Amino acid sequence: MNEQHPVRWKSMVGLGILGAILGLFMLFFSNLATDMIAVLAGFIIVLLSAIFLVEGLCIDAEGWSRWCIIGLGVFGLIVGLLSIAMPTLLVISTGLLIGIFLLIFGIGEIVIGVGMAIVETMVRMVFIMIGIFSMIVGIFLIINPALSLNIFVWLVGLYLLVIGLMRVAHGLNERDVDDEATVRRL
């Protein structure tokens, strides 16, 4: 009736504890967690930019200019190194870019909702409400990009904490089922 989970209970408890600890870290040290994510993003940008540089140096195909690809690689290296040296700069610029995108998206949704050829009022209202909500979130991100990303980190931390504790509870439940089994493993 209550079949044993294919993942051993010890690994479930261990991963649950690890997830809960990571969630607590993100909740209590959100600024540090945000900066660590920005530094990791900087390393990824540097790695991808190095790939662009190598491709630019080795490209022989038609289309994109070799110098354009090398230029993108150099630009990426600069952005990546700045992100590693000053992670707050990447955090703020990311918040601003997402905010500007949501503001433009919200305006577009409202324009679609108002100018829609469909006569059904409910569909129009859904588009307009999505547009208004997107604009509000976008304006909030533009006004205070660092705080909004901290809120995102808090939500991810809360998610990891809850999922980690649930995983620990599930693993302990699987341990009890394993102890009650008449035939263990052959």
Protein backbone atom coordinates (compact mmCIF):
# COMPACT_ATOMS: atom_id res chain seq x y z
CA MET A 1 0.00 0.00 0.00
CA ASN A 2 2.63 2.55 1.07
CA GLU A 3 5.45 1.79 -1.36
CA GLN A 4 8.99 2.76 -0.57
CA HIS A 5 10.30 5.79 -2.39
CA PRO A 6 13.14 4.98 -4.83
CA VAL A 7 15.40 7.59 -3.21
CA ARG A 8 16.83 6.49 0.12
CA TRP A 9 15.51 8.32 3.14
CA LYS A 10 18.99 9.46 4.25
CA SER A 11 19.63 11.32 1.01
CA MET A 12 16.19 12.91 1.21
CA VAL A 13 16.83 14.12 4.77
CA GLY A 14 20.33 15.31 3.85
CA LEU A 15 19.16 17.26 0.81
CA GLY A 16 16.26 18.64 2.81
CA ILE A 17 18.58 19.92 5.54
CA LEU A 18 20.89 21.42 2.91
CA GLY A 19 17.96 23.16 1.18
CA ALA A 20 16.63 24.48 4.50
CA ILE A 21 20.06 25.83 5.48
CA LEU A 22 20.44 27.51 2.08
CA GLY A 23 16.94 28.97 2.47
CA LEU A 24 17.77 30.34 5.94
CA PHE A 25 20.99 31.83 4.56
CA MET A 26 19.04 33.58 1.79
CA LEU A 27 16.44 34.84 4.27
CA PHE A 28 18.83 36.22 6.88
CA PHE A 29 21.67 37.34 4.60
CA SER A 30 19.75 38.46 1.52
CA ASN A 31 22.20 41.22 0.57
CA LEU A 32 25.13 38.80 0.67
CA ALA A 33 23.14 36.16 -1.24
CA THR A 34 22.20 38.71 -3.91
CA ASP A 35 25.84 39.78 -4.27
CA MET A 36 26.96 36.14 -4.48
CA ILE A 37 24.43 35.51 -7.26
CA ALA A 38 25.71 38.61 -9.08
CA VAL A 39 29.33 37.43 -8.76
CA LEU A 40 28.33 34.00 -10.09
CA ALA A 41 26.57 35.73 -12.99
CA GLY A 42 29.77 37.71 -13.57
CA PHE A 43 31.82 34.52 -13.83
CA ILE A 44 29.30 33.10 -16.30
CA ILE A 45 29.42 36.30 -18.37
CA VAL A 46 33.25 36.15 -18.44
CA LEU A 47 33.17 32.50 -19.51
CA LEU A 48 30.66 33.13 -22.30
CA SER A 49 32.57 36.22 -23.44
CA ALA A 50 35.77 34.19 -23.66
CA ILE A 51 33.91 31.77 -25.93
CA PHE A 52 32.87 34.73 -28.10
CA LEU A 53 36.47 35.93 -28.29
CA VAL A 54 37.73 32.50 -29.37
CA GLU A 55 34.92 32.20 -31.93
CA GLY A 56 35.69 35.68 -33.24
CA LEU A 57 39.35 34.81 -33.67
CA CYS A 58 38.61 31.51 -35.42
CA ILE A 59 35.59 32.43 -37.55
CA ASP A 60 35.88 32.12 -41.32
CA ALA A 61 32.17 32.11 -42.21
CA GLU A 62 30.18 34.77 -44.00
CA GLY A 63 27.63 36.87 -42.14
CA TRP A 64 28.67 38.40 -38.86
CA SER A 65 31.91 40.27 -38.97
CA ARG A 66 34.83 38.82 -37.06
CA TRP A 67 35.39 42.19 -35.39
CA CYS A 68 31.77 42.42 -34.29
CA ILE A 69 32.01 39.07 -32.49
CA ILE A 70 35.36 40.01 -30.95
CA GLY A 71 33.84 43.32 -29.86
CA LEU A 72 30.93 41.52 -28.20
CA GLY A 73 33.44 39.27 -26.43
CA VAL A 74 35.48 42.21 -25.14
CA PHE A 75 32.30 44.04 -24.04
CA GLY A 76 31.15 40.91 -22.22
CA LEU A 77 34.51 40.53 -20.50
CA ILE A 78 34.32 44.11 -19.25
CA VAL A 79 30.74 43.65 -18.00
CA GLY A 80 31.63 40.32 -16.37
CA LEU A 81 34.71 41.67 -14.62
CA LEU A 82 32.75 44.71 -13.41
CA SER A 83 30.07 42.36 -12.08
CA ILE A 84 32.68 40.40 -10.14
CA ALA A 85 34.39 43.55 -8.82
CA MET A 86 31.16 45.47 -8.05
CA PRO A 87 28.24 43.01 -7.76
CA THR A 88 25.82 45.72 -6.62
CA LEU A 89 26.14 47.35 -10.04
CA LEU A 90 24.82 44.20 -11.74
CA VAL A 91 22.03 43.83 -9.17
CA ILE A 92 20.81 47.37 -9.73
CA SER A 93 21.12 47.23 -13.51
CA THR A 94 19.26 43.89 -13.61
CA GLY A 95 16.44 45.32 -11.52
CA LEU A 96 16.25 48.37 -13.79
CA LEU A 97 16.21 46.31 -16.99
CA ILE A 98 13.48 44.00 -15.69
CA GLY A 99 11.49 47.02 -14.51
CA ILE A 100 11.75 48.76 -17.88
CA PHE A 101 10.74 45.55 -19.65
CA LEU A 102 7.70 45.08 -17.39
CA LEU A 103 6.67 48.71 -17.88
CA ILE A 104 6.82 48.40 -21.68
CA PHE A 105 5.10 44.99 -21.54
CA GLY A 106 2.33 46.42 -19.36
CA ILE A 107 1.73 49.32 -21.74
CA GLY A 108 1.58 46.84 -24.63
CA GLU A 109 -0.95 44.66 -22.80
CA ILE A 110 -3.17 47.66 -22.09
CA VAL A 111 -2.98 48.77 -25.73
CA ILE A 112 -3.90 45.25 -26.84
CA GLY A 113 -6.76 45.09 -24.34
CA VAL A 114 -8.20 48.45 -25.37
CA GLY A 115 -7.73 48.02 -29.11
CA MET A 116 -8.69 44.36 -29.31
CA ALA A 117 -11.06 43.37 -32.08
CA ILE A 118 -12.71 40.81 -29.81
CA VAL A 119 -15.95 42.10 -28.38
CA GLU A 120 -15.86 39.91 -25.25
CA THR A 121 -15.36 42.21 -22.29
CA MET A 122 -13.83 39.60 -19.98
CA VAL A 123 -10.90 38.91 -22.35
CA ARG A 124 -10.25 42.63 -22.70
CA MET A 125 -10.31 43.12 -18.94
CA VAL A 126 -7.81 40.29 -18.42
CA PHE A 127 -5.37 41.95 -20.83
CA ILE A 128 -5.87 45.33 -19.17
CA MET A 129 -5.44 43.91 -15.64
CA ILE A 130 -2.26 42.07 -16.67
CA GLY A 131 -0.99 45.34 -18.16
CA ILE A 132 -1.76 47.36 -15.04
CA PHE A 133 -0.16 44.77 -12.75
CA SER A 134 2.94 44.58 -14.98
CA MET A 135 3.24 48.36 -14.98
CA ILE A 136 2.96 48.55 -11.18
CA VAL A 137 5.65 45.89 -10.69
CA GLY A 138 7.81 47.54 -13.37
CA ILE A 139 7.56 50.97 -11.75
CA PHE A 140 8.41 49.43 -8.35
CA LEU A 141 11.48 47.78 -9.87
CA ILE A 142 12.57 51.02 -11.55
CA ILE A 143 12.13 53.07 -8.36
CA ASN A 144 14.00 50.62 -6.11
CA PRO A 145 15.76 47.86 -8.07
CA ALA A 146 17.98 46.60 -5.24
CA LEU A 147 15.11 46.16 -2.76
CA SER A 148 12.97 44.37 -5.31
CA LEU A 149 15.74 41.85 -6.01
CA ASN A 150 16.18 41.38 -2.25
CA ILE A 151 12.48 40.57 -2.06
CA PHE A 152 13.00 38.01 -4.82
CA VAL A 153 15.89 36.47 -2.86
CA TRP A 154 13.68 36.36 0.27
CA LEU A 155 10.97 34.53 -1.66
CA VAL A 156 13.47 32.01 -3.06
CA GLY A 157 14.90 31.55 0.44
CA LEU A 158 11.44 30.97 1.90
CA TYR A 159 10.71 28.48 -0.89
CA LEU A 160 13.95 26.58 -0.21
CA LEU A 161 13.25 26.53 3.53
CA VAL A 162 9.74 25.14 3.11
CA ILE A 163 10.75 22.59 0.46
CA GLY A 164 13.76 21.53 2.56
CA LEU A 165 11.66 20.97 5.67
CA MET A 166 9.05 19.07 3.65
CA ARG A 167 11.81 16.89 2.20
CA VAL A 168 13.16 16.15 5.70
CA ALA A 169 9.66 15.18 6.87
CA HIS A 170 9.17 12.97 3.82
CA GLY A 171 12.56 11.31 4.32
CA LEU A 172 11.80 10.59 7.98
CA ASN A 173 8.46 9.15 6.93
CA GLU A 174 10.24 6.89 4.43
CA ARG A 175 12.59 5.77 7.20
CA ASP A 176 9.62 4.71 9.29
CA VAL A 177 8.15 2.81 6.33
CA ASP A 178 11.53 1.12 5.75
CA ASP A 179 11.69 0.04 9.41
CA GLU A 180 8.18 -1.47 9.23
CA ALA A 181 8.82 -3.41 6.01
CA THR A 182 8.79 -7.19 6.45
CA VAL A 183 11.16 -7.76 3.54
CA ARG A 184 13.87 -5.20 3.10
CA ARG A 185 16.05 -5.49 0.03
CA LEU A 186 17.26 -8.70 -1.51
